[in-house]
Amino acid sequence: MHTIKINKNDSGQRIDKFLTKKFRNMPLSLMYKYIRTKRIKLNGKRVKESNILMEDDVLTLFISDEFFEKRNNDFSFMRIKPKLEIVYEDDNILVVNKPAGLIVHSDANEEFNTLINHIIAYLYNTGKYNPEDENSFTPSLCNRIDRNTQGLVIAAKNAAA
């Protein structure tokens, strides 16, 4: 038996969507079978895949330990010394001026030096994001611009944004 306490960034999503993000190596058919056979419970009660998770809910899972193996999280962003021109920041969003020549997401030619990795490194270094505390959320970009374009890019710092 395992329990997962739902945090603020995980709340507001359907239980099946949360489980899909949390257990990427679990086949969907098996996840739905576990829900149907009451091997996944929400606050001690039977769940439906359409149940919406709320903060402080507790999921109880009677499933194989193989799905709970420590995920091989990619912490490559920790090697980056973030270089960001921050235009605006509040509790929910971060607006940065992306320089020309920097890609926003990884591609076949560049996986490491990306705008999103610089943003995640900045949030990690300032204590505003810790991937080990999250079940299904990663800071993400709200818009994108081309590699050779300079301009403002908005990043969501939490799921509410």
Foldseek 3Di string as FASTA:
>chain_A
DDKDADAPQQFFAFQLVLCCQQQVPDDSVVVQVCLVVVQKAKQPHRDDRRDTGDHRIMIHGNDDCVSVPDDPDDPLLLVDDADWAWPDDDLWKTKTWDAAQAFAADDPVDHRRHVLSSVQNVCVVVVLDDVVVDRRDDKDWPDGDDNRDIGMTMITSGNVD
